[in-house]
Amino acid sequence: MSLRPSFRRSLYTWNLMIRDSTNNGFFTQTLNIYSSMAHSGVHGNNLTYPLLLKACANLPSIQHGTMLHGHVLKLGFQADTFVQTALVDMYSKCSHVASARQVFDEMPQRSVVSWNAMVSAYSRRSSMDQALSLLKEMWVLGFEPTASTFVSILSGYSNLDSFEFHLLGKSIHCCLIKLGIVYLEVSLAYSLMGMYVQFCLMDEARKFLT
């Protein structure tokens, strides 16, 4: 498909091209398509930028990510939770956690996905005090953590002191049983199983295979 600028292409068509390219893992091509789209005079919407930011996060390319952030601000998407969450995730995966937190703190509204993105950002860096602080805060504010929240927490602690991870992991397992979400996501069950394998508690690990 030609990427030459064309005023005949609608935003809908550009978004389809960007979506297909991103979903197929052609992240550099995604950014090239956007460049052609911009040169054609078409501005993106709140469906365009999360896909572009996902491409930046996967490359990873902080240079393109900050450029897109500027476009997002210029076009007035500061209050769009979907776009702002994508920015948090992009900065996190490009190892700019301070920038991710700034975007997060300035969001006028947040979703559970927004909270999860920031918890994941801290967990990826094993900054577990901050991750747990956010976990408690989101709970107090009425955002119930999901399986993805706990997968991030368990992943972050797996890189730290084994005794601390053991105690926290068992506490999280008890919490998940009370919430009734242990088996809602395979990734969560695997994270718990991996934790027990790490501590050679094979009987506990085997429970996740039944």
C-alpha atoms as a PDB file:
ATOM      1  CA  MET A   1       0.000   0.000   0.000  1.00  0.00           C
ATOM      2  CA  SER A   2       1.393   3.394  -0.973  1.00  0.00           C
ATOM      3  CA  LEU A   3       2.289   5.789   1.838  1.00  0.00           C
ATOM      4  CA  ARG A   4       2.336   8.869  -0.407  1.00  0.00           C
ATOM      5  CA  PRO A   5       0.306  11.739   1.084  1.00  0.00           C
ATOM      6  CA  SER A   6      -3.200  11.962  -0.266  1.00  0.00           C
ATOM      7  CA  PHE A   7      -5.894  14.458   0.646  1.00  0.00           C
ATOM      8  CA  ARG A   8      -8.446  11.911  -0.501  1.00  0.00           C
ATOM      9  CA  ARG A   9      -7.754   9.644   2.470  1.00  0.00           C
ATOM     10  CA  SER A  10     -10.057  10.170   5.428  1.00  0.00           C
ATOM     11  CA  LEU A  11      -8.974   9.966   9.051  1.00  0.00           C
ATOM     12  CA  TYR A  12     -10.879   6.681   9.243  1.00  0.00           C
ATOM     13  CA  THR A  13      -8.679   5.210   6.488  1.00  0.00           C
ATOM     14  CA  TRP A  14      -5.474   6.477   8.099  1.00  0.00           C
ATOM     15  CA  ASN A  15      -6.532   4.980  11.420  1.00  0.00           C
ATOM     16  CA  LEU A  16      -7.180   1.625   9.771  1.00  0.00           C
ATOM     17  CA  MET A  17      -3.685   1.656   8.266  1.00  0.00           C
ATOM     18  CA  ILE A  18      -2.126   2.651  11.594  1.00  0.00           C
ATOM     19  CA  ARG A  19      -4.110   0.019  13.486  1.00  0.00           C
ATOM     20  CA  ASP A  20      -3.235  -2.801  11.094  1.00  0.00           C
ATOM     21  CA  SER A  21       0.446  -1.881  11.065  1.00  0.00           C
ATOM     22  CA  THR A  22       0.623  -1.681  14.866  1.00  0.00           C
ATOM     23  CA  ASN A  23      -1.326  -4.885  15.452  1.00  0.00           C
ATOM     24  CA  ASN A  24       1.003  -6.718  13.058  1.00  0.00           C
ATOM     25  CA  GLY A  25       4.069  -5.480  14.911  1.00  0.00           C
ATOM     26  CA  PHE A  26       5.340  -3.146  12.169  1.00  0.00           C
ATOM     27  CA  PHE A  27       5.996  -0.310  14.594  1.00  0.00           C
ATOM     28  CA  THR A  28       8.431   1.706  12.475  1.00  0.00           C
ATOM     29  CA  GLN A  29       5.970   1.516   9.590  1.00  0.00           C
ATOM     30  CA  THR A  30       3.253   2.785  11.924  1.00  0.00           C
ATOM     31  CA  LEU A  31       5.258   5.944  12.574  1.00  0.00           C
ATOM     32  CA  ASN A  32       5.984   6.335   8.849  1.00  0.00           C
ATOM     33  CA  ILE A  33       2.264   6.137   8.112  1.00  0.00           C
ATOM     34  CA  TYR A  34       1.607   8.831  10.693  1.00  0.00           C
ATOM     35  CA  SER A  35       4.269  11.031   9.125  1.00  0.00           C
ATOM     36  CA  SER A  36       2.532  10.703   5.750  1.00  0.00           C
ATOM     37  CA  MET A  37      -0.807  11.390   7.390  1.00  0.00           C
ATOM     38  CA  ALA A  38       0.512  14.556   9.053  1.00  0.00           C
ATOM     39  CA  HIS A  39       2.031  15.788   5.801  1.00  0.00           C
ATOM     40  CA  SER A  40      -1.339  15.298   4.126  1.00  0.00           C
ATOM     41  CA  GLY A  41      -2.891  17.724   6.604  1.00  0.00           C
ATOM     42  CA  VAL A  42      -4.970  15.188   8.545  1.00  0.00           C
ATOM     43  CA  HIS A  43      -4.926  15.371  12.359  1.00  0.00           C
ATOM     44  CA  GLY A  44      -5.297  12.270  14.514  1.00  0.00           C
ATOM     45  CA  ASN A  45      -8.026  11.638  17.074  1.00  0.00           C
ATOM     46  CA  ASN A  46      -8.254   9.734  20.360  1.00  0.00           C
ATOM     47  CA  LEU A  47      -8.079   6.437  18.459  1.00  0.00           C
ATOM     48  CA  THR A  48      -4.939   7.408  16.540  1.00  0.00           C
ATOM     49  CA  TYR A  49      -2.596   8.391  19.343  1.00  0.00           C
ATOM     50  CA  PRO A  50      -2.851   5.349  21.643  1.00  0.00           C
ATOM     51  CA  LEU A  51      -1.843   3.180  18.664  1.00  0.00           C
ATOM     52  CA  LEU A  52       1.074   5.461  17.829  1.00  0.00           C
ATOM     53  CA  LEU A  53       2.199   5.572  21.444  1.00  0.00           C
ATOM     54  CA  LYS A  54       2.003   1.789  21.598  1.00  0.00           C
ATOM     55  CA  ALA A  55       4.366   1.659  18.608  1.00  0.00           C
ATOM     56  CA  CYS A  56       6.788   4.016  20.397  1.00  0.00           C
ATOM     57  CA  ALA A  57       6.622   1.898  23.549  1.00  0.00           C
ATOM     58  CA  ASN A  58       7.442  -1.268  21.630  1.00  0.00           C
ATOM     59  CA  LEU A  59      10.377   0.125  19.632  1.00  0.00           C
ATOM     60  CA  PRO A  60      11.138   1.782  22.173  1.00  0.00           C
ATOM     61  CA  SER A  61      11.492   5.357  20.900  1.00  0.00           C
ATOM     62  CA  ILE A  62      11.326   8.176  23.423  1.00  0.00           C
ATOM     63  CA  GLN A  63      12.150  10.687  20.674  1.00  0.00           C
ATOM     64  CA  HIS A  64       8.985   9.881  18.722  1.00  0.00           C
ATOM     65  CA  GLY A  65       7.031   9.481  21.956  1.00  0.00           C
ATOM     66  CA  THR A  66       7.800  12.994  23.180  1.00  0.00           C
ATOM     67  CA  MET A  67       7.008  14.368  19.725  1.00  0.00           C
ATOM     68  CA  LEU A  68       3.601  12.680  19.845  1.00  0.00           C
ATOM     69  CA  HIS A  69       3.078  14.006  23.356  1.00  0.00           C
ATOM     70  CA  GLY A  70       3.491  17.499  21.925  1.00  0.00           C
ATOM     71  CA  HIS A  71       0.910  16.757  19.245  1.00  0.00           C
ATOM     72  CA  VAL A  72      -1.487  15.402  21.880  1.00  0.00           C
ATOM     73  CA  LEU A  73      -1.158  18.612  23.908  1.00  0.00           C
ATOM     74  CA  LYS A  74      -1.560  20.810  20.836  1.00  0.00           C
ATOM     75  CA  LEU A  75      -4.738  19.007  19.779  1.00  0.00           C
ATOM     76  CA  GLY A  76      -6.286  19.189  23.268  1.00  0.00           C
ATOM     77  CA  PHE A  77      -6.364  15.550  24.407  1.00  0.00           C
ATOM     78  CA  GLN A  78      -5.216  16.367  27.961  1.00  0.00           C
ATOM     79  CA  ALA A  79      -8.559  15.238  29.387  1.00  0.00           C
ATOM     80  CA  ASP A  80      -8.817  12.047  27.329  1.00  0.00           C
ATOM     81  CA  THR A  81      -8.196   9.164  29.733  1.00  0.00           C
ATOM     82  CA  PHE A  82      -7.455   6.698  26.927  1.00  0.00           C
ATOM     83  CA  VAL A  83      -4.772   8.893  25.343  1.00  0.00           C
ATOM     84  CA  GLN A  84      -3.235   9.939  28.661  1.00  0.00           C
ATOM     85  CA  THR A  85      -2.999   6.322  29.831  1.00  0.00           C
ATOM     86  CA  ALA A  86      -1.199   5.459  26.599  1.00  0.00           C
ATOM     87  CA  LEU A  87       1.278   8.251  27.368  1.00  0.00           C
ATOM     88  CA  VAL A  88       1.907   6.825  30.850  1.00  0.00           C
ATOM     89  CA  ASP A  89       2.550   3.405  29.359  1.00  0.00           C
ATOM     90  CA  MET A  90       4.818   4.783  26.639  1.00  0.00           C
ATOM     91  CA  TYR A  91       7.010   6.731  29.059  1.00  0.00           C
ATOM     92  CA  SER A  92       7.171   3.734  31.374  1.00  0.00           C
ATOM     93  CA  LYS A  93       8.310   1.324  28.671  1.00  0.00           C
ATOM     94  CA  CYS A  94      10.832   3.874  27.400  1.00  0.00           C
ATOM     95  CA  SER A  95      12.327   3.952  30.945  1.00  0.00           C
ATOM     96  CA  HIS A  96      11.145   7.511  31.694  1.00  0.00           C
ATOM     97  CA  VAL A  97       9.186   6.728  34.856  1.00  0.00           C
ATOM     98  CA  ALA A  98       9.337  10.291  36.197  1.00  0.00           C
ATOM     99  CA  SER A  99       7.630  11.530  33.009  1.00  0.00           C
ATOM    100  CA  ALA A 100       5.058   8.736  33.289  1.00  0.00           C
ATOM    101  CA  ARG A 101       4.271   9.811  36.848  1.00  0.00           C
ATOM    102  CA  GLN A 102       3.948  13.463  35.830  1.00  0.00           C
ATOM    103  CA  VAL A 103       1.394  12.577  33.154  1.00  0.00           C
ATOM    104  CA  PHE A 104      -0.413  10.317  35.639  1.00  0.00           C
ATOM    105  CA  ASP A 105      -0.531  13.006  38.341  1.00  0.00           C
ATOM    106  CA  GLU A 106      -1.916  15.576  35.885  1.00  0.00           C
ATOM    107  CA  MET A 107      -4.730  13.355  34.581  1.00  0.00           C
ATOM    108  CA  PRO A 108      -8.108  14.909  35.464  1.00  0.00           C
ATOM    109  CA  GLN A 109      -9.695  11.450  35.401  1.00  0.00           C
ATOM    110  CA  ARG A 110      -8.164   7.983  35.676  1.00  0.00           C
ATOM    111  CA  SER A 111      -9.373   4.487  34.910  1.00  0.00           C
ATOM    112  CA  VAL A 112      -8.252   1.209  36.475  1.00  0.00           C
ATOM    113  CA  VAL A 113      -6.060   0.774  33.382  1.00  0.00           C
ATOM    114  CA  SER A 114      -4.383   4.106  34.173  1.00  0.00           C
ATOM    115  CA  TRP A 115      -3.576   2.958  37.703  1.00  0.00           C
ATOM    116  CA  ASN A 116      -2.335  -0.391  36.416  1.00  0.00           C
ATOM    117  CA  ALA A 117      -0.032   1.335  33.926  1.00  0.00           C
ATOM    118  CA  MET A 118       1.604   3.354  36.707  1.00  0.00           C
ATOM    119  CA  VAL A 119       1.856   0.378  39.079  1.00  0.00           C
ATOM    120  CA  SER A 120       3.480  -1.565  36.242  1.00  0.00           C
ATOM    121  CA  ALA A 121       5.905   1.305  35.630  1.00  0.00           C
ATOM    122  CA  TYR A 122       7.196   1.146  39.199  1.00  0.00           C
ATOM    123  CA  SER A 123       7.163  -2.655  39.319  1.00  0.00           C
ATOM    124  CA  ARG A 124       9.202  -2.883  36.131  1.00  0.00           C
ATOM    125  CA  ARG A 125      11.941  -0.898  37.900  1.00  0.00           C
ATOM    126  CA  SER A 126      11.454  -2.874  41.134  1.00  0.00           C
ATOM    127  CA  SER A 127      10.444   0.384  42.868  1.00  0.00           C
ATOM    128  CA  MET A 128       8.082  -1.599  45.033  1.00  0.00           C
ATOM    129  CA  ASP A 129       7.466   0.945  47.792  1.00  0.00           C
ATOM    130  CA  GLN A 130       5.956   3.271  45.183  1.00  0.00           C
ATOM    131  CA  ALA A 131       4.072   0.414  43.508  1.00  0.00           C
ATOM    132  CA  LEU A 132       2.503  -0.719  46.791  1.00  0.00           C
ATOM    133  CA  SER A 133       1.688   2.873  47.745  1.00  0.00           C
ATOM    134  CA  LEU A 134      -0.242   3.274  44.479  1.00  0.00           C
ATOM    135  CA  LEU A 135      -1.958  -0.065  45.015  1.00  0.00           C
ATOM    136  CA  LYS A 136      -3.225   1.106  48.407  1.00  0.00           C
ATOM    137  CA  GLU A 137      -4.210   4.528  47.053  1.00  0.00           C
ATOM    138  CA  MET A 138      -6.216   3.148  44.148  1.00  0.00           C
ATOM    139  CA  TRP A 139      -8.047   0.831  46.523  1.00  0.00           C
ATOM    140  CA  VAL A 140      -8.882   3.693  48.933  1.00  0.00           C
ATOM    141  CA  LEU A 141     -10.200   5.765  46.024  1.00  0.00           C
ATOM    142  CA  GLY A 142     -12.528   2.970  44.942  1.00  0.00           C
ATOM    143  CA  PHE A 143     -10.589   1.505  42.005  1.00  0.00           C
ATOM    144  CA  GLU A 144     -10.579  -2.244  42.588  1.00  0.00           C
ATOM    145  CA  PRO A 145      -7.262  -3.799  41.486  1.00  0.00           C
ATOM    146  CA  THR A 146      -7.418  -6.372  38.713  1.00  0.00           C
ATOM    147  CA  ALA A 147      -5.410  -9.496  37.978  1.00  0.00           C
ATOM    148  CA  SER A 148      -3.034  -7.367  35.886  1.00  0.00           C
ATOM    149  CA  THR A 149      -2.301  -5.179  38.913  1.00  0.00           C
ATOM    150  CA  PHE A 150      -1.135  -8.143  40.951  1.00  0.00           C
ATOM    151  CA  VAL A 151       0.819  -9.716  38.094  1.00  0.00           C
ATOM    152  CA  SER A 152       2.869  -6.500  37.939  1.00  0.00           C
ATOM    153  CA  ILE A 153       3.420  -6.476  41.708  1.00  0.00           C
ATOM    154  CA  LEU A 154       4.530 -10.122  41.776  1.00  0.00           C
ATOM    155  CA  SER A 155       6.830  -9.551  38.806  1.00  0.00           C
ATOM    156  CA  GLY A 156       8.462  -6.570  40.488  1.00  0.00           C
ATOM    157  CA  TYR A 157       9.086  -8.401  43.737  1.00  0.00           C
ATOM    158  CA  SER A 158      10.556 -11.447  42.010  1.00  0.00           C
ATOM    159  CA  ASN A 159      13.727  -9.436  41.362  1.00  0.00           C
ATOM    160  CA  LEU A 160      14.189  -8.478  45.014  1.00  0.00           C
ATOM    161  CA  ASP A 161      15.123 -10.211  48.241  1.00  0.00           C
ATOM    162  CA  SER A 162      13.681 -13.719  48.182  1.00  0.00           C
ATOM    163  CA  PHE A 163      12.478 -13.696  51.801  1.00  0.00           C
ATOM    164  CA  GLU A 164      10.627 -10.410  51.329  1.00  0.00           C
ATOM    165  CA  PHE A 165       9.100 -11.716  48.093  1.00  0.00           C
ATOM    166  CA  HIS A 166       8.035 -14.922  49.834  1.00  0.00           C
ATOM    167  CA  LEU A 167       6.182 -13.099  52.612  1.00  0.00           C
ATOM    168  CA  LEU A 168       4.537 -10.605  50.273  1.00  0.00           C
ATOM    169  CA  GLY A 169       3.645 -13.266  47.724  1.00  0.00           C
ATOM    170  CA  LYS A 170       1.802 -15.392  50.257  1.00  0.00           C
ATOM    171  CA  SER A 171      -0.037 -12.295  51.505  1.00  0.00           C
ATOM    172  CA  ILE A 172      -1.073 -11.420  47.941  1.00  0.00           C
ATOM    173  CA  HIS A 173      -2.217 -15.003  47.350  1.00  0.00           C
ATOM    174  CA  CYS A 174      -4.491 -14.794  50.417  1.00  0.00           C
ATOM    175  CA  CYS A 175      -5.821 -11.434  49.227  1.00  0.00           C
ATOM    176  CA  LEU A 176      -6.570 -12.840  45.765  1.00  0.00           C
ATOM    177  CA  ILE A 177      -8.447 -15.770  47.250  1.00  0.00           C
ATOM    178  CA  LYS A 178     -10.649 -13.338  49.196  1.00  0.00           C
ATOM    179  CA  LEU A 179     -11.225 -11.275  46.035  1.00  0.00           C
ATOM    180  CA  GLY A 180     -12.012 -14.426  44.057  1.00  0.00           C
ATOM    181  CA  ILE A 181      -9.790 -13.527  41.095  1.00  0.00           C
ATOM    182  CA  VAL A 182      -6.965 -16.081  41.374  1.00  0.00           C
ATOM    183  CA  TYR A 183      -8.098 -17.951  38.270  1.00  0.00           C
ATOM    184  CA  LEU A 184      -9.549 -15.046  36.288  1.00  0.00           C
ATOM    185  CA  GLU A 185      -6.346 -14.674  34.253  1.00  0.00           C
ATOM    186  CA  VAL A 186      -3.921 -17.423  33.350  1.00  0.00           C
ATOM    187  CA  SER A 187      -1.020 -14.974  33.740  1.00  0.00           C
ATOM    188  CA  LEU A 188      -1.928 -14.408  37.391  1.00  0.00           C
ATOM    189  CA  ALA A 189      -2.106 -18.126  38.170  1.00  0.00           C
ATOM    190  CA  TYR A 190       1.236 -18.630  36.405  1.00  0.00           C
ATOM    191  CA  SER A 191       2.799 -15.771  38.394  1.00  0.00           C
ATOM    192  CA  LEU A 192       1.725 -17.360  41.672  1.00  0.00           C
ATOM    193  CA  MET A 193       2.808 -20.800  40.509  1.00  0.00           C
ATOM    194  CA  GLY A 194       6.194 -19.407  39.497  1.00  0.00           C
ATOM    195  CA  MET A 195       6.568 -17.798  42.913  1.00  0.00           C
ATOM    196  CA  TYR A 196       6.030 -21.115  44.694  1.00  0.00           C
ATOM    197  CA  VAL A 197       8.388 -22.908  42.302  1.00  0.00           C
ATOM    198  CA  GLN A 198      11.027 -20.258  43.051  1.00  0.00           C
ATOM    199  CA  PHE A 199      10.796 -21.168  46.738  1.00  0.00           C
ATOM    200  CA  CYS A 200      10.713 -24.923  46.004  1.00  0.00           C
ATOM    201  CA  LEU A 201       7.164 -25.208  47.385  1.00  0.00           C
ATOM    202  CA  MET A 202       6.142 -27.690  44.732  1.00  0.00           C
ATOM    203  CA  ASP A 203       2.971 -28.895  46.436  1.00  0.00           C
ATOM    204  CA  GLU A 204       1.637 -25.319  46.455  1.00  0.00           C
ATOM    205  CA  ALA A 205       2.718 -24.800  42.833  1.00  0.00           C
ATOM    206  CA  ARG A 206       0.958 -27.974  41.647  1.00  0.00           C
ATOM    207  CA  LYS A 207      -2.363 -26.652  42.916  1.00  0.00           C
ATOM    208  CA  PHE A 208      -2.412 -24.269  39.959  1.00  0.00           C
ATOM    209  CA  LEU A 209      -2.256 -27.175  37.514  1.00  0.00           C
ATOM    210  CA  THR A 210      -5.515 -28.713  38.675  1.00  0.00           C
END
